[in-house]
Amino acid sequence: MAIASCPDCEQEIELRPLVQVGDELTCPHCESDLVVISLDPLELDWAYIAPAEDDDEWDDDEWDDQDL
C-alpha cells in the first residue's frame, strides 16, 4: 500500500495500489483536491481545478475595490 502526505494538512493518505502520475484524489482529512506528481518518492500536489464556464470574470475596476 502506498502512503503519501497531503501538501495542505500534512496528514498521511493511503493510496490504492498501482497509483500513477496524474492520478487525482481528494484528501480524506481536509478535502483538498490533489494529484500524484511523483512516484519515487511518492508525492502529491494541489490539483488545478478549471473555473466553471459560467463564472463571471471580474472587471479591472472590481479588482481595485478589493482590500489586499
N, C-alpha and C. Protein backbone atom coordinates (compact mmCIF):
# COMPACT_ATOMS: atom_id res chain seq x y z
N MET A 1 0.85 -1.18 0.00
CA MET A 1 0.00 0.00 0.00
C MET A 1 0.89 1.24 0.00
N ALA A 2 0.55 2.21 -0.84
CA ALA A 2 1.32 3.44 -0.96
C ALA A 2 0.77 4.48 0.01
N ILE A 3 1.68 5.22 0.63
CA ILE A 3 1.30 6.28 1.57
C ILE A 3 2.01 7.57 1.17
N ALA A 4 1.25 8.66 1.13
CA ALA A 4 1.81 9.98 0.81
C ALA A 4 1.23 10.99 1.79
N SER A 5 1.87 12.15 1.87
CA SER A 5 1.38 13.22 2.75
C SER A 5 0.65 14.27 1.95
N CYS A 6 -0.46 14.75 2.51
CA CYS A 6 -1.22 15.83 1.89
C CYS A 6 -0.41 17.12 2.00
N PRO A 7 -0.23 17.87 0.91
CA PRO A 7 0.53 19.12 0.98
C PRO A 7 -0.22 20.22 1.74
N ASP A 8 -1.51 20.04 1.97
CA ASP A 8 -2.30 21.06 2.66
C ASP A 8 -2.33 20.81 4.16
N CYS A 9 -2.80 19.65 4.59
CA CYS A 9 -2.96 19.37 6.03
C CYS A 9 -1.82 18.52 6.60
N GLU A 10 -0.96 17.98 5.72
CA GLU A 10 0.20 17.18 6.09
C GLU A 10 -0.14 15.85 6.73
N GLN A 11 -1.39 15.42 6.62
CA GLN A 11 -1.80 14.11 7.12
C GLN A 11 -1.42 13.04 6.09
N GLU A 12 -1.17 11.82 6.57
CA GLU A 12 -0.85 10.73 5.67
C GLU A 12 -2.12 10.22 4.99
N ILE A 13 -1.98 9.89 3.71
CA ILE A 13 -3.08 9.37 2.91
C ILE A 13 -2.65 8.03 2.33
N GLU A 14 -3.49 7.02 2.51
CA GLU A 14 -3.24 5.71 1.92
C GLU A 14 -3.80 5.73 0.50
N LEU A 15 -2.94 5.42 -0.46
CA LEU A 15 -3.35 5.41 -1.87
C LEU A 15 -3.54 3.98 -2.35
N ARG A 16 -4.35 3.82 -3.37
CA ARG A 16 -4.61 2.50 -3.92
C ARG A 16 -3.32 1.93 -4.54
N PRO A 17 -3.24 0.62 -4.65
CA PRO A 17 -2.07 0.03 -5.31
C PRO A 17 -2.00 0.47 -6.78
N LEU A 18 -0.83 0.46 -7.32
CA LEU A 18 -0.58 0.82 -8.72
C LEU A 18 -0.97 2.25 -9.06
N VAL A 19 -0.77 3.14 -8.11
CA VAL A 19 -1.02 4.56 -8.35
C VAL A 19 -0.09 5.04 -9.45
N GLN A 20 -0.55 6.00 -10.26
CA GLN A 20 0.24 6.51 -11.37
C GLN A 20 0.32 8.03 -11.31
N VAL A 21 1.37 8.59 -11.90
CA VAL A 21 1.49 10.04 -12.00
C VAL A 21 0.28 10.56 -12.77
N GLY A 22 -0.34 11.61 -12.25
CA GLY A 22 -1.52 12.19 -12.88
C GLY A 22 -2.82 11.75 -12.25
N ASP A 23 -2.78 10.71 -11.40
CA ASP A 23 -4.00 10.28 -10.72
C ASP A 23 -4.48 11.40 -9.80
N GLU A 24 -5.77 11.64 -9.80
CA GLU A 24 -6.35 12.69 -8.95
C GLU A 24 -7.10 12.05 -7.79
N LEU A 25 -7.10 12.73 -6.65
CA LEU A 25 -7.78 12.25 -5.46
C LEU A 25 -8.16 13.42 -4.58
N THR A 26 -8.97 13.14 -3.58
CA THR A 26 -9.36 14.14 -2.60
C THR A 26 -8.84 13.68 -1.24
N CYS A 27 -8.20 14.57 -0.51
CA CYS A 27 -7.70 14.23 0.82
C CYS A 27 -8.89 13.92 1.72
N PRO A 28 -8.87 12.75 2.38
CA PRO A 28 -9.99 12.41 3.26
C PRO A 28 -10.01 13.23 4.54
N HIS A 29 -8.92 13.94 4.84
CA HIS A 29 -8.83 14.71 6.09
C HIS A 29 -9.28 16.16 5.90
N CYS A 30 -8.82 16.81 4.81
CA CYS A 30 -9.12 18.24 4.62
C CYS A 30 -9.90 18.53 3.34
N GLU A 31 -10.14 17.49 2.53
CA GLU A 31 -10.91 17.58 1.29
C GLU A 31 -10.24 18.42 0.19
N SER A 32 -8.93 18.58 0.25
CA SER A 32 -8.19 19.26 -0.82
C SER A 32 -8.16 18.36 -2.05
N ASP A 33 -8.29 18.96 -3.24
CA ASP A 33 -8.17 18.22 -4.49
C ASP A 33 -6.69 18.10 -4.81
N LEU A 34 -6.22 16.85 -4.98
CA LEU A 34 -4.79 16.59 -5.14
C LEU A 34 -4.54 15.76 -6.39
N VAL A 35 -3.27 15.76 -6.81
CA VAL A 35 -2.83 14.97 -7.94
C VAL A 35 -1.46 14.37 -7.61
N VAL A 36 -1.22 13.15 -8.07
CA VAL A 36 0.07 12.49 -7.88
C VAL A 36 1.05 13.10 -8.88
N ILE A 37 2.16 13.66 -8.37
CA ILE A 37 3.14 14.30 -9.26
C ILE A 37 4.45 13.52 -9.35
N SER A 38 4.66 12.56 -8.44
CA SER A 38 5.89 11.79 -8.46
C SER A 38 5.64 10.44 -7.79
N LEU A 39 6.31 9.39 -8.30
CA LEU A 39 6.18 8.05 -7.72
C LEU A 39 7.36 7.69 -6.83
N ASP A 40 8.53 8.23 -7.12
CA ASP A 40 9.71 7.89 -6.33
C ASP A 40 10.54 9.13 -6.09
N PRO A 41 10.30 9.83 -4.98
CA PRO A 41 9.39 9.50 -3.88
C PRO A 41 7.94 9.82 -4.25
N LEU A 42 7.01 9.13 -3.59
CA LEU A 42 5.59 9.37 -3.81
C LEU A 42 5.24 10.75 -3.29
N GLU A 43 4.73 11.61 -4.18
CA GLU A 43 4.46 12.99 -3.81
C GLU A 43 3.16 13.48 -4.42
N LEU A 44 2.41 14.25 -3.63
CA LEU A 44 1.15 14.83 -4.06
C LEU A 44 1.27 16.34 -4.12
N ASP A 45 0.46 16.96 -4.97
CA ASP A 45 0.39 18.42 -5.05
C ASP A 45 -1.07 18.78 -5.27
N TRP A 46 -1.38 20.07 -5.11
CA TRP A 46 -2.75 20.52 -5.33
C TRP A 46 -3.09 20.36 -6.80
N ALA A 47 -4.30 19.90 -7.08
CA ALA A 47 -4.77 19.74 -8.45
C ALA A 47 -5.29 21.07 -8.96
N TYR A 48 -5.10 21.31 -10.25
CA TYR A 48 -5.64 22.51 -10.88
C TYR A 48 -7.10 22.24 -11.20
N ILE A 49 -7.97 23.07 -10.71
CA ILE A 49 -9.39 22.96 -11.00
C ILE A 49 -9.78 24.15 -11.87
N ALA A 50 -10.17 23.87 -13.10
CA ALA A 50 -10.56 24.93 -14.02
C ALA A 50 -11.85 25.59 -13.55
N PRO A 51 -11.95 26.91 -13.67
CA PRO A 51 -13.19 27.59 -13.27
C PRO A 51 -14.35 27.15 -14.17
N ALA A 52 -15.53 27.18 -13.62
CA ALA A 52 -16.72 26.81 -14.39
C ALA A 52 -16.92 27.80 -15.52
N GLU A 53 -17.51 27.35 -16.59
CA GLU A 53 -17.73 28.18 -17.77
C GLU A 53 -18.58 29.41 -17.47
N ASP A 54 -19.51 29.29 -16.53
CA ASP A 54 -20.44 30.38 -16.27
C ASP A 54 -19.93 31.37 -15.21
N ASP A 55 -18.70 31.16 -14.72
CA ASP A 55 -18.15 32.12 -13.75
C ASP A 55 -17.95 33.48 -14.43
N ASP A 56 -18.44 34.52 -13.80
CA ASP A 56 -18.24 35.87 -14.34
C ASP A 56 -16.82 36.31 -14.08
N GLU A 57 -16.21 36.93 -15.07
CA GLU A 57 -14.87 37.47 -14.87
C GLU A 57 -14.99 38.85 -14.25
N TRP A 58 -14.05 39.18 -13.41
CA TRP A 58 -14.05 40.47 -12.76
C TRP A 58 -13.54 41.53 -13.71
N ASP A 59 -14.14 42.69 -13.64
CA ASP A 59 -13.63 43.83 -14.38
C ASP A 59 -12.41 44.37 -13.63
N ASP A 60 -11.55 45.10 -14.36
CA ASP A 60 -10.36 45.67 -13.73
C ASP A 60 -10.71 46.56 -12.55
N ASP A 61 -11.77 47.34 -12.66
CA ASP A 61 -12.11 48.25 -11.56
C ASP A 61 -12.63 47.49 -10.34
N GLU A 62 -13.14 46.27 -10.52
CA GLU A 62 -13.55 45.48 -9.37
C GLU A 62 -12.33 45.03 -8.57
N TRP A 63 -11.23 44.74 -9.24
CA TRP A 63 -10.01 44.36 -8.55
C TRP A 63 -9.50 45.52 -7.70
N ASP A 64 -9.64 46.75 -8.20
CA ASP A 64 -9.16 47.92 -7.48
C ASP A 64 -9.94 48.14 -6.18
N ASP A 65 -11.18 47.69 -6.14
CA ASP A 65 -12.02 47.90 -4.96
C ASP A 65 -11.74 46.90 -3.84
N GLN A 66 -10.99 45.85 -4.11
CA GLN A 66 -10.73 44.81 -3.12
C GLN A 66 -9.60 45.23 -2.19
N ASP A 67 -9.78 44.96 -0.90
CA ASP A 67 -8.70 45.21 0.06
C ASP A 67 -7.67 44.11 -0.04
N LEU A 68 -6.43 44.49 -0.14
CA LEU A 68 -5.35 43.50 -0.24
C LEU A 68 -4.65 43.34 1.06
